[in-house]
Amino acid sequence: MTDDSQARASLLSIQVARPHIVRHMGKDVPTGIFKLPVTGPVMVRKLNIDGDEQGDLKVHGGVDKAVYCYAAEHYPAWREELARDLPYGTFGENLTVTGLLEDEIHVGDVLEVGDAVLEVSDPRQPCYKLGIKMGDQGIIKQFEESGRSGFYCRVLQEGMIEPGQPITLRDRDESQPTIADLVAGRNAKI
């Protein structure tokens, strides 16, 4: 992150969901992608945010994917491309943030927000459940190719967070790839 982006990085919105069952290709599928905003402070724990659960722990959640962050800066482009209103949380993110773009964020970056300390672990790779939510399985390829993946974090220190708080970069290893580098590498293999 540049000094300017570090100064402006902040938490805009927090979203959570409990899994519910949706019908997909004749099967009942549990999903936690239908996130809703919460107001006020919320506790970030090692495996998730209070009030949030994942529908399938084989591919979502766990220690390395406890919190999903997505940049608010991407929403205007998506609203234009998809020609519809998209509230924060549309892409299943827990934290809608500003000032933390994929080409500036490195794997291993340590971020502090409120009392919580997070470590960037991996870019998000969308699955068919995003297609279910959006009513179009074509969104998966479009999302991946856009480079606007967002990123997962592990929780190094549990703590309370709330919308409006600044996000501070505490540590970075410049030798680690950016989230954008990893997404580009994944896309090159497709």
N, C-alpha and C. Protein backbone atom coordinates (compact mmCIF):
# COMPACT_ATOMS: atom_id res chain seq x y z
N MET A 1 0.84 -1.18 0.00
CA MET A 1 0.00 0.00 0.00
C MET A 1 0.88 1.23 0.00
N THR A 2 0.51 2.19 -0.78
CA THR A 2 1.23 3.46 -0.75
C THR A 2 0.85 4.21 0.51
N ASP A 3 1.63 5.25 0.82
CA ASP A 3 1.30 6.04 2.01
C ASP A 3 -0.09 6.64 1.91
N ASP A 4 -0.49 7.07 0.68
CA ASP A 4 -1.83 7.64 0.49
C ASP A 4 -2.91 6.61 0.76
N SER A 5 -2.76 5.38 0.21
CA SER A 5 -3.80 4.37 0.40
C SER A 5 -3.84 3.91 1.84
N GLN A 6 -2.68 3.86 2.50
CA GLN A 6 -2.66 3.46 3.90
C GLN A 6 -3.43 4.47 4.73
N ALA A 7 -3.29 5.75 4.40
CA ALA A 7 -3.97 6.79 5.16
C ALA A 7 -5.49 6.71 4.97
N ARG A 8 -5.95 6.21 3.83
CA ARG A 8 -7.38 6.19 3.55
C ARG A 8 -8.03 4.83 3.70
N ALA A 9 -7.29 3.81 4.01
CA ALA A 9 -7.88 2.48 4.16
C ALA A 9 -8.83 2.47 5.35
N SER A 10 -10.04 1.97 5.10
CA SER A 10 -11.00 1.92 6.20
C SER A 10 -12.04 0.82 5.95
N LEU A 11 -12.73 0.49 7.01
CA LEU A 11 -13.80 -0.50 7.00
C LEU A 11 -15.12 0.24 6.79
N LEU A 12 -15.79 -0.04 5.67
CA LEU A 12 -17.05 0.65 5.36
C LEU A 12 -18.27 -0.09 5.88
N SER A 13 -18.24 -1.44 5.77
CA SER A 13 -19.43 -2.21 6.08
C SER A 13 -19.04 -3.62 6.51
N ILE A 14 -19.84 -4.20 7.38
CA ILE A 14 -19.64 -5.57 7.85
C ILE A 14 -20.90 -6.36 7.51
N GLN A 15 -20.71 -7.55 6.92
CA GLN A 15 -21.83 -8.41 6.55
C GLN A 15 -21.63 -9.82 7.10
N VAL A 16 -22.71 -10.44 7.52
CA VAL A 16 -22.68 -11.81 8.03
C VAL A 16 -23.91 -12.56 7.52
N ALA A 17 -23.84 -13.89 7.61
CA ALA A 17 -25.00 -14.72 7.27
C ALA A 17 -24.83 -16.09 7.90
N ARG A 18 -25.93 -16.67 8.26
CA ARG A 18 -25.97 -18.08 8.65
C ARG A 18 -26.34 -18.86 7.39
N PRO A 19 -25.82 -20.06 7.24
CA PRO A 19 -26.17 -20.83 6.04
C PRO A 19 -27.66 -21.11 5.94
N HIS A 20 -28.13 -21.09 4.73
CA HIS A 20 -29.47 -21.58 4.46
C HIS A 20 -29.40 -22.42 3.19
N ILE A 21 -30.46 -23.15 2.95
CA ILE A 21 -30.49 -24.11 1.86
C ILE A 21 -31.09 -23.46 0.62
N VAL A 22 -30.39 -23.63 -0.52
CA VAL A 22 -30.92 -23.21 -1.81
C VAL A 22 -30.96 -24.43 -2.72
N ARG A 23 -31.81 -24.38 -3.71
CA ARG A 23 -31.94 -25.48 -4.66
C ARG A 23 -31.06 -25.18 -5.86
N HIS A 24 -30.19 -26.14 -6.22
CA HIS A 24 -29.31 -25.96 -7.37
C HIS A 24 -29.17 -27.30 -8.10
N MET A 25 -29.57 -27.31 -9.37
CA MET A 25 -29.47 -28.51 -10.21
C MET A 25 -30.10 -29.73 -9.53
N GLY A 26 -31.27 -29.51 -8.93
CA GLY A 26 -32.01 -30.60 -8.32
C GLY A 26 -31.53 -31.03 -6.95
N LYS A 27 -30.57 -30.30 -6.38
CA LYS A 27 -30.04 -30.67 -5.06
C LYS A 27 -30.19 -29.49 -4.09
N ASP A 28 -30.34 -29.84 -2.82
CA ASP A 28 -30.33 -28.83 -1.77
C ASP A 28 -28.88 -28.54 -1.40
N VAL A 29 -28.52 -27.26 -1.42
CA VAL A 29 -27.15 -26.84 -1.19
C VAL A 29 -27.11 -25.82 -0.06
N PRO A 30 -26.28 -26.04 0.98
CA PRO A 30 -26.15 -25.04 2.04
C PRO A 30 -25.19 -23.93 1.59
N THR A 31 -25.55 -22.69 1.87
CA THR A 31 -24.68 -21.57 1.52
C THR A 31 -24.82 -20.43 2.51
N GLY A 32 -23.71 -19.76 2.74
CA GLY A 32 -23.69 -18.58 3.59
C GLY A 32 -23.36 -17.33 2.78
N ILE A 33 -23.58 -17.35 1.46
CA ILE A 33 -23.19 -16.22 0.61
C ILE A 33 -24.17 -15.05 0.68
N PHE A 34 -25.35 -15.28 1.19
CA PHE A 34 -26.36 -14.22 1.24
C PHE A 34 -26.16 -13.35 2.48
N LYS A 35 -25.10 -12.55 2.46
CA LYS A 35 -24.71 -11.74 3.62
C LYS A 35 -25.62 -10.53 3.79
N LEU A 36 -25.84 -10.16 5.04
CA LEU A 36 -26.61 -8.97 5.39
C LEU A 36 -25.76 -8.08 6.29
N PRO A 37 -25.95 -6.75 6.17
CA PRO A 37 -25.13 -5.84 6.98
C PRO A 37 -25.50 -5.89 8.46
N VAL A 38 -24.50 -5.66 9.28
CA VAL A 38 -24.71 -5.50 10.71
C VAL A 38 -24.30 -4.09 11.10
N THR A 39 -24.91 -3.58 12.14
CA THR A 39 -24.56 -2.25 12.62
C THR A 39 -23.89 -2.39 13.97
N GLY A 40 -23.07 -1.43 14.29
CA GLY A 40 -22.39 -1.45 15.56
C GLY A 40 -21.23 -2.42 15.58
N PRO A 41 -20.61 -2.55 16.75
CA PRO A 41 -19.43 -3.41 16.87
C PRO A 41 -19.78 -4.89 16.76
N VAL A 42 -18.82 -5.65 16.23
CA VAL A 42 -18.98 -7.09 16.11
C VAL A 42 -17.62 -7.73 16.41
N MET A 43 -17.65 -8.92 16.96
CA MET A 43 -16.43 -9.63 17.34
C MET A 43 -15.90 -10.47 16.18
N VAL A 44 -14.61 -10.32 15.89
CA VAL A 44 -13.92 -11.16 14.91
C VAL A 44 -13.23 -12.27 15.70
N ARG A 45 -13.51 -13.51 15.31
CA ARG A 45 -12.92 -14.66 15.99
C ARG A 45 -12.02 -15.43 15.02
N LYS A 46 -11.31 -16.41 15.53
CA LYS A 46 -10.33 -17.16 14.72
C LYS A 46 -10.94 -17.79 13.47
N LEU A 47 -12.20 -18.22 13.54
CA LEU A 47 -12.81 -18.92 12.41
C LEU A 47 -13.87 -18.12 11.66
N ASN A 48 -14.30 -16.99 12.19
CA ASN A 48 -15.30 -16.18 11.51
C ASN A 48 -15.64 -14.94 12.34
N ILE A 49 -16.62 -14.23 11.87
CA ILE A 49 -17.15 -13.07 12.58
C ILE A 49 -18.42 -13.51 13.28
N ASP A 50 -18.66 -13.04 14.49
CA ASP A 50 -19.89 -13.41 15.19
C ASP A 50 -21.10 -13.18 14.28
N GLY A 51 -21.96 -14.19 14.19
CA GLY A 51 -23.14 -14.12 13.35
C GLY A 51 -22.93 -14.65 11.95
N ASP A 52 -21.71 -15.05 11.63
CA ASP A 52 -21.41 -15.55 10.29
C ASP A 52 -20.99 -17.01 10.35
N GLU A 53 -21.43 -17.78 9.37
CA GLU A 53 -21.02 -19.17 9.24
C GLU A 53 -20.90 -19.50 7.76
N GLN A 54 -20.13 -20.52 7.44
CA GLN A 54 -19.98 -20.97 6.07
C GLN A 54 -20.85 -22.22 5.86
N GLY A 55 -21.34 -22.36 4.63
CA GLY A 55 -22.21 -23.49 4.31
C GLY A 55 -21.45 -24.77 4.00
N ASP A 56 -20.19 -24.64 3.57
CA ASP A 56 -19.41 -25.81 3.17
C ASP A 56 -17.97 -25.58 3.59
N LEU A 57 -17.56 -26.15 4.69
CA LEU A 57 -16.22 -25.91 5.23
C LEU A 57 -15.12 -26.60 4.45
N LYS A 58 -15.47 -27.42 3.45
CA LYS A 58 -14.42 -28.03 2.63
C LYS A 58 -13.75 -27.00 1.74
N VAL A 59 -14.50 -25.99 1.31
CA VAL A 59 -13.94 -24.99 0.38
C VAL A 59 -14.04 -23.55 0.89
N HIS A 60 -14.77 -23.33 1.97
CA HIS A 60 -14.94 -21.99 2.51
C HIS A 60 -14.58 -22.00 3.99
N GLY A 61 -14.16 -20.87 4.49
CA GLY A 61 -13.91 -20.73 5.92
C GLY A 61 -12.64 -21.43 6.37
N GLY A 62 -12.62 -21.76 7.64
CA GLY A 62 -11.43 -22.33 8.23
C GLY A 62 -10.47 -21.23 8.65
N VAL A 63 -9.38 -21.62 9.24
CA VAL A 63 -8.41 -20.67 9.78
C VAL A 63 -7.88 -19.71 8.71
N ASP A 64 -7.57 -20.21 7.52
CA ASP A 64 -6.97 -19.38 6.48
C ASP A 64 -7.97 -18.54 5.69
N LYS A 65 -9.25 -18.82 5.86
CA LYS A 65 -10.30 -18.07 5.15
C LYS A 65 -11.39 -17.64 6.12
N ALA A 66 -10.96 -17.12 7.25
CA ALA A 66 -11.91 -16.76 8.30
C ALA A 66 -12.71 -15.51 7.96
N VAL A 67 -12.08 -14.56 7.24
CA VAL A 67 -12.70 -13.28 6.92
C VAL A 67 -12.43 -12.97 5.45
N TYR A 68 -13.48 -12.58 4.72
CA TYR A 68 -13.34 -12.21 3.32
C TYR A 68 -13.54 -10.71 3.17
N CYS A 69 -12.53 -10.04 2.58
CA CYS A 69 -12.55 -8.59 2.38
C CYS A 69 -12.71 -8.27 0.90
N TYR A 70 -13.50 -7.24 0.61
CA TYR A 70 -13.71 -6.83 -0.78
C TYR A 70 -13.71 -5.31 -0.86
N ALA A 71 -13.05 -4.78 -1.89
CA ALA A 71 -12.89 -3.34 -2.04
C ALA A 71 -14.16 -2.67 -2.57
N ALA A 72 -14.60 -1.66 -1.88
CA ALA A 72 -15.76 -0.88 -2.31
C ALA A 72 -15.50 -0.20 -3.64
N GLU A 73 -14.24 0.06 -3.96
CA GLU A 73 -13.88 0.71 -5.21
C GLU A 73 -14.32 -0.11 -6.43
N HIS A 74 -14.56 -1.41 -6.26
CA HIS A 74 -14.98 -2.26 -7.38
C HIS A 74 -16.49 -2.18 -7.66
N TYR A 75 -17.26 -1.73 -6.71
CA TYR A 75 -18.71 -1.73 -6.88
C TYR A 75 -19.21 -0.88 -8.05
N PRO A 76 -18.70 0.33 -8.29
CA PRO A 76 -19.20 1.09 -9.45
C PRO A 76 -19.02 0.36 -10.78
N ALA A 77 -17.88 -0.29 -10.99
CA ALA A 77 -17.66 -1.03 -12.23
C ALA A 77 -18.65 -2.19 -12.34
N TRP A 78 -18.86 -2.92 -11.25
CA TRP A 78 -19.82 -4.03 -11.29
C TRP A 78 -21.23 -3.54 -11.55
N ARG A 79 -21.60 -2.42 -10.92
CA ARG A 79 -22.95 -1.89 -11.14
C ARG A 79 -23.16 -1.53 -12.61
N GLU A 80 -22.13 -0.97 -13.23
CA GLU A 80 -22.22 -0.62 -14.64
C GLU A 80 -22.25 -1.87 -15.52
N GLU A 81 -21.33 -2.82 -15.26
CA GLU A 81 -21.25 -4.03 -16.09
C GLU A 81 -22.50 -4.90 -15.98
N LEU A 82 -23.06 -4.98 -14.78
CA LEU A 82 -24.21 -5.86 -14.56
C LEU A 82 -25.55 -5.12 -14.66
N ALA A 83 -25.47 -3.79 -14.78
CA ALA A 83 -26.66 -2.94 -14.94
C ALA A 83 -27.71 -3.21 -13.86
N ARG A 84 -27.24 -3.21 -12.62
CA ARG A 84 -28.17 -3.38 -11.50
C ARG A 84 -27.55 -2.84 -10.22
N ASP A 85 -28.41 -2.58 -9.25
CA ASP A 85 -27.93 -2.11 -7.96
C ASP A 85 -27.29 -3.27 -7.22
N LEU A 86 -26.16 -3.00 -6.59
CA LEU A 86 -25.46 -4.03 -5.85
C LEU A 86 -25.06 -3.47 -4.49
N PRO A 87 -25.75 -3.87 -3.45
CA PRO A 87 -25.38 -3.39 -2.11
C PRO A 87 -24.09 -4.08 -1.64
N TYR A 88 -23.42 -3.45 -0.70
CA TYR A 88 -22.23 -4.08 -0.12
C TYR A 88 -22.63 -5.45 0.43
N GLY A 89 -21.73 -6.40 0.25
CA GLY A 89 -21.99 -7.78 0.65
C GLY A 89 -22.46 -8.65 -0.50
N THR A 90 -22.72 -8.04 -1.66
CA THR A 90 -23.21 -8.78 -2.82
C THR A 90 -22.31 -9.95 -3.18
N PHE A 91 -21.00 -9.77 -3.06
CA PHE A 91 -20.06 -10.81 -3.48
C PHE A 91 -19.71 -11.77 -2.35
N GLY A 92 -20.46 -11.68 -1.25
CA GLY A 92 -20.28 -12.61 -0.14
C GLY A 92 -19.21 -12.18 0.84
N GLU A 93 -18.75 -10.94 0.70
CA GLU A 93 -17.70 -10.47 1.60
C GLU A 93 -18.23 -10.17 3.00
N ASN A 94 -17.36 -10.42 3.98
CA ASN A 94 -17.65 -10.04 5.36
C ASN A 94 -17.37 -8.56 5.58
N LEU A 95 -16.24 -8.11 5.01
CA LEU A 95 -15.82 -6.73 5.21
C LEU A 95 -15.72 -6.03 3.86
N THR A 96 -16.50 -4.97 3.70
CA THR A 96 -16.34 -4.10 2.54
C THR A 96 -15.42 -2.99 2.99
N VAL A 97 -14.29 -2.87 2.28
CA VAL A 97 -13.22 -1.97 2.69
C VAL A 97 -12.92 -0.98 1.58
N THR A 98 -12.19 0.05 1.91
CA THR A 98 -11.70 0.99 0.92
C THR A 98 -10.20 1.16 1.13
N GLY A 99 -9.49 1.39 0.02
CA GLY A 99 -8.05 1.62 0.11
C GLY A 99 -7.21 0.36 0.15
N LEU A 100 -7.80 -0.80 -0.13
CA LEU A 100 -7.07 -2.07 -0.10
C LEU A 100 -7.32 -2.83 -1.40
N LEU A 101 -6.64 -2.42 -2.45
CA LEU A 101 -6.83 -3.02 -3.76
C LEU A 101 -5.86 -4.17 -3.99
N GLU A 102 -6.26 -5.10 -4.83
CA GLU A 102 -5.52 -6.33 -5.06
C GLU A 102 -4.08 -6.11 -5.54
N ASP A 103 -3.85 -5.04 -6.30
CA ASP A 103 -2.48 -4.81 -6.79
C ASP A 103 -1.58 -4.15 -5.76
N GLU A 104 -2.13 -3.81 -4.61
CA GLU A 104 -1.35 -3.20 -3.53
C GLU A 104 -1.20 -4.11 -2.32
N ILE A 105 -2.05 -5.12 -2.22
CA ILE A 105 -2.08 -5.99 -1.05
C ILE A 105 -1.26 -7.25 -1.33
N HIS A 106 -0.34 -7.56 -0.43
CA HIS A 106 0.52 -8.74 -0.55
C HIS A 106 0.03 -9.85 0.38
N VAL A 107 0.22 -11.09 -0.04
CA VAL A 107 -0.01 -12.22 0.85
C VAL A 107 0.89 -12.01 2.07
N GLY A 108 0.35 -12.19 3.24
CA GLY A 108 1.12 -12.00 4.46
C GLY A 108 1.02 -10.61 5.06
N ASP A 109 0.43 -9.65 4.33
CA ASP A 109 0.24 -8.32 4.93
C ASP A 109 -0.55 -8.47 6.22
N VAL A 110 -0.14 -7.74 7.23
CA VAL A 110 -0.82 -7.77 8.51
C VAL A 110 -1.57 -6.45 8.66
N LEU A 111 -2.88 -6.56 8.83
CA LEU A 111 -3.77 -5.40 8.90
C LEU A 111 -4.41 -5.32 10.28
N GLU A 112 -4.50 -4.11 10.78
CA GLU A 112 -5.16 -3.89 12.06
C GLU A 112 -6.42 -3.05 11.83
N VAL A 113 -7.53 -3.55 12.35
CA VAL A 113 -8.79 -2.81 12.29
C VAL A 113 -9.46 -3.00 13.64
N GLY A 114 -9.80 -1.89 14.28
CA GLY A 114 -10.35 -1.97 15.63
C GLY A 114 -9.38 -2.70 16.52
N ASP A 115 -9.89 -3.68 17.27
CA ASP A 115 -9.04 -4.49 18.16
C ASP A 115 -8.52 -5.75 17.48
N ALA A 116 -8.92 -5.99 16.24
CA ALA A 116 -8.56 -7.22 15.54
C ALA A 116 -7.30 -7.03 14.69
N VAL A 117 -6.54 -8.11 14.54
CA VAL A 117 -5.38 -8.12 13.66
C VAL A 117 -5.57 -9.27 12.68
N LEU A 118 -5.51 -8.94 11.38
CA LEU A 118 -5.76 -9.89 10.31
C LEU A 118 -4.51 -10.05 9.46
N GLU A 119 -4.33 -11.23 8.89
CA GLU A 119 -3.23 -11.47 7.96
C GLU A 119 -3.80 -11.93 6.63
N VAL A 120 -3.45 -11.23 5.55
CA VAL A 120 -3.92 -11.58 4.21
C VAL A 120 -3.38 -12.95 3.85
N SER A 121 -4.28 -13.85 3.42
CA SER A 121 -3.86 -15.23 3.16
C SER A 121 -3.99 -15.66 1.71
N ASP A 122 -5.01 -15.19 0.98
CA ASP A 122 -5.26 -15.76 -0.34
C ASP A 122 -6.30 -14.92 -1.07
N PRO A 123 -6.24 -14.89 -2.42
CA PRO A 123 -7.35 -14.26 -3.15
C PRO A 123 -8.57 -15.17 -3.11
N ARG A 124 -9.72 -14.58 -3.30
CA ARG A 124 -10.93 -15.38 -3.38
C ARG A 124 -11.05 -15.97 -4.78
N GLN A 125 -11.42 -17.22 -4.84
CA GLN A 125 -11.74 -17.87 -6.10
C GLN A 125 -13.22 -18.19 -6.04
N PRO A 126 -14.02 -17.60 -6.93
CA PRO A 126 -15.47 -17.78 -6.82
C PRO A 126 -15.90 -19.20 -7.16
N CYS A 127 -17.00 -19.61 -6.55
CA CYS A 127 -17.58 -20.91 -6.85
C CYS A 127 -19.00 -20.72 -7.38
N TYR A 128 -19.64 -21.80 -7.69
CA TYR A 128 -20.97 -21.77 -8.28
C TYR A 128 -22.01 -21.07 -7.40
N LYS A 129 -21.72 -20.94 -6.10
CA LYS A 129 -22.70 -20.30 -5.21
C LYS A 129 -22.83 -18.81 -5.50
N LEU A 130 -21.76 -18.18 -6.01
CA LEU A 130 -21.87 -16.80 -6.46
C LEU A 130 -22.83 -16.74 -7.64
N GLY A 131 -22.74 -17.72 -8.53
CA GLY A 131 -23.66 -17.79 -9.66
C GLY A 131 -25.10 -17.97 -9.22
N ILE A 132 -25.31 -18.78 -8.18
CA ILE A 132 -26.65 -18.96 -7.63
C ILE A 132 -27.17 -17.62 -7.13
N LYS A 133 -26.36 -16.92 -6.36
CA LYS A 133 -26.80 -15.65 -5.78
C LYS A 133 -27.12 -14.62 -6.87
N MET A 134 -26.27 -14.58 -7.90
CA MET A 134 -26.43 -13.58 -8.95
C MET A 134 -27.44 -14.01 -10.02
N GLY A 135 -27.89 -15.28 -9.97
CA GLY A 135 -28.84 -15.77 -10.96
C GLY A 135 -28.20 -15.98 -12.32
N ASP A 136 -26.88 -16.18 -12.35
CA ASP A 136 -26.17 -16.34 -13.62
C ASP A 136 -24.82 -16.99 -13.34
N GLN A 137 -24.64 -18.23 -13.77
CA GLN A 137 -23.36 -18.91 -13.55
C GLN A 137 -22.22 -18.28 -14.35
N GLY A 138 -22.54 -17.49 -15.37
CA GLY A 138 -21.51 -16.79 -16.14
C GLY A 138 -20.73 -15.78 -15.32
N ILE A 139 -21.29 -15.36 -14.19
CA ILE A 139 -20.61 -14.39 -13.34
C ILE A 139 -19.30 -14.95 -12.79
N ILE A 140 -19.20 -16.25 -12.65
CA ILE A 140 -17.99 -16.85 -12.07
C ILE A 140 -16.78 -16.54 -12.94
N LYS A 141 -16.88 -16.80 -14.22
CA LYS A 141 -15.77 -16.51 -15.13
C LYS A 141 -15.53 -15.00 -15.21
N GLN A 142 -16.60 -14.23 -15.29
CA GLN A 142 -16.48 -12.77 -15.35
C GLN A 142 -15.78 -12.23 -14.10
N PHE A 143 -16.16 -12.74 -12.96
CA PHE A 143 -15.56 -12.31 -11.69
C PHE A 143 -14.07 -12.64 -11.68
N GLU A 144 -13.73 -13.87 -12.03
CA GLU A 144 -12.32 -14.30 -12.02
C GLU A 144 -11.49 -13.48 -13.00
N GLU A 145 -11.99 -13.29 -14.21
CA GLU A 145 -11.23 -12.56 -15.22
C GLU A 145 -11.12 -11.07 -14.93
N SER A 146 -12.01 -10.53 -14.11
CA SER A 146 -11.98 -9.10 -13.78
C SER A 146 -10.76 -8.71 -12.95
N GLY A 147 -10.20 -9.68 -12.22
CA GLY A 147 -9.10 -9.37 -11.30
C GLY A 147 -9.57 -8.74 -10.01
N ARG A 148 -10.85 -8.51 -9.89
CA ARG A 148 -11.43 -7.88 -8.68
C ARG A 148 -11.88 -8.98 -7.73
N SER A 149 -10.92 -9.71 -7.19
CA SER A 149 -11.21 -10.92 -6.43
C SER A 149 -11.49 -10.68 -4.95
N GLY A 150 -10.93 -9.61 -4.40
CA GLY A 150 -10.94 -9.49 -2.95
C GLY A 150 -9.95 -10.49 -2.38
N PHE A 151 -9.92 -10.58 -1.05
CA PHE A 151 -8.94 -11.47 -0.43
C PHE A 151 -9.43 -11.98 0.92
N TYR A 152 -8.93 -13.18 1.25
CA TYR A 152 -9.21 -13.78 2.54
C TYR A 152 -8.14 -13.39 3.54
N CYS A 153 -8.54 -13.45 4.81
CA CYS A 153 -7.60 -13.19 5.91
C CYS A 153 -7.77 -14.26 6.98
N ARG A 154 -6.64 -14.56 7.62
CA ARG A 154 -6.68 -15.33 8.86
C ARG A 154 -6.67 -14.32 10.01
N VAL A 155 -7.15 -14.72 11.15
CA VAL A 155 -7.24 -13.83 12.31
C VAL A 155 -6.07 -14.11 13.24
N LEU A 156 -5.19 -13.14 13.35
CA LEU A 156 -4.04 -13.27 14.25
C LEU A 156 -4.41 -12.87 15.67
N GLN A 157 -5.31 -11.91 15.78
CA GLN A 157 -5.76 -11.46 17.10
C GLN A 157 -7.26 -11.18 17.01
N GLU A 158 -8.02 -11.89 17.83
CA GLU A 158 -9.45 -11.64 17.88
C GLU A 158 -9.71 -10.26 18.46
N GLY A 159 -10.84 -9.66 18.06
CA GLY A 159 -11.16 -8.35 18.61
C GLY A 159 -12.43 -7.77 18.00
N MET A 160 -12.88 -6.69 18.61
CA MET A 160 -14.09 -6.00 18.15
C MET A 160 -13.73 -5.05 17.01
N ILE A 161 -14.62 -5.02 16.00
CA ILE A 161 -14.49 -4.08 14.90
C ILE A 161 -15.84 -3.44 14.66
N GLU A 162 -15.84 -2.29 13.96
CA GLU A 162 -17.11 -1.68 13.56
C GLU A 162 -16.89 -0.79 12.35
N PRO A 163 -17.95 -0.62 11.54
CA PRO A 163 -17.82 0.22 10.36
C PRO A 163 -17.32 1.61 10.72
N GLY A 164 -16.53 2.16 9.80
CA GLY A 164 -15.99 3.50 9.99
C GLY A 164 -14.57 3.52 10.55
N GLN A 165 -14.10 2.38 11.02
CA GLN A 165 -12.76 2.34 11.61
C GLN A 165 -11.69 2.33 10.51
N PRO A 166 -10.55 2.97 10.80
CA PRO A 166 -9.43 2.91 9.85
C PRO A 166 -8.81 1.51 9.88
N ILE A 167 -8.16 1.16 8.76
CA ILE A 167 -7.41 -0.09 8.66
C ILE A 167 -5.95 0.29 8.46
N THR A 168 -5.10 -0.23 9.31
CA THR A 168 -3.68 0.12 9.31
C THR A 168 -2.84 -1.08 8.89
N LEU A 169 -1.89 -0.84 8.01
CA LEU A 169 -0.93 -1.87 7.63
C LEU A 169 0.13 -1.93 8.72
N ARG A 170 0.22 -3.09 9.41
CA ARG A 170 1.20 -3.25 10.49
C ARG A 170 2.49 -3.88 10.03
N ASP A 171 2.40 -4.74 9.00
CA ASP A 171 3.61 -5.44 8.57
C ASP A 171 3.43 -5.90 7.13
N ARG A 172 4.55 -5.94 6.40
CA ARG A 172 4.53 -6.41 5.01
C ARG A 172 5.88 -7.00 4.66
N ASP A 173 5.83 -8.08 3.87
CA ASP A 173 7.03 -8.67 3.28
C ASP A 173 6.92 -8.43 1.78
N GLU A 174 7.67 -7.46 1.26
CA GLU A 174 7.61 -7.07 -0.15
C GLU A 174 7.96 -8.22 -1.10
N SER A 175 8.62 -9.25 -0.60
CA SER A 175 8.99 -10.37 -1.46
C SER A 175 7.79 -11.28 -1.76
N GLN A 176 6.71 -11.13 -1.02
CA GLN A 176 5.51 -11.94 -1.24
C GLN A 176 4.71 -11.38 -2.42
N PRO A 177 4.01 -12.24 -3.15
CA PRO A 177 3.21 -11.76 -4.29
C PRO A 177 2.02 -10.94 -3.82
N THR A 178 1.55 -10.07 -4.71
CA THR A 178 0.31 -9.36 -4.43
C THR A 178 -0.86 -10.30 -4.73
N ILE A 179 -2.02 -9.92 -4.25
CA ILE A 179 -3.23 -10.67 -4.58
C ILE A 179 -3.44 -10.65 -6.09
N ALA A 180 -3.20 -9.51 -6.73
CA ALA A 180 -3.35 -9.40 -8.19
C ALA A 180 -2.39 -10.35 -8.92
N ASP A 181 -1.17 -10.50 -8.42
CA ASP A 181 -0.22 -11.43 -9.03
C ASP A 181 -0.76 -12.86 -9.01
N LEU A 182 -1.32 -13.26 -7.88
CA LEU A 182 -1.84 -14.63 -7.76
C LEU A 182 -3.05 -14.85 -8.66
N VAL A 183 -3.92 -13.85 -8.74
CA VAL A 183 -5.10 -13.98 -9.61
C VAL A 183 -4.66 -14.05 -11.07
N ALA A 184 -3.71 -13.21 -11.46
CA ALA A 184 -3.21 -13.23 -12.84
C ALA A 184 -2.58 -14.58 -13.17
N GLY A 185 -1.84 -15.15 -12.24
CA GLY A 185 -1.24 -16.47 -12.44
C GLY A 185 -2.28 -17.55 -12.59
N ARG A 186 -3.32 -17.46 -11.79
CA ARG A 186 -4.43 -18.43 -11.87
C ARG A 186 -5.16 -18.29 -13.20
N ASN A 187 -5.38 -17.05 -13.62
CA ASN A 187 -6.07 -16.81 -14.89
C ASN A 187 -5.25 -17.27 -16.09
N ALA A 188 -3.94 -17.20 -15.99
CA ALA A 188 -3.06 -17.63 -17.08
C ALA A 188 -3.15 -19.14 -17.30
N LYS A 189 -3.54 -19.86 -16.26
CA LYS A 189 -3.66 -21.32 -16.35
C LYS A 189 -5.01 -21.77 -16.89
N ILE A 190 -5.94 -20.85 -16.93
CA ILE A 190 -7.31 -21.20 -17.38
C ILE A 190 -7.34 -21.39 -18.89
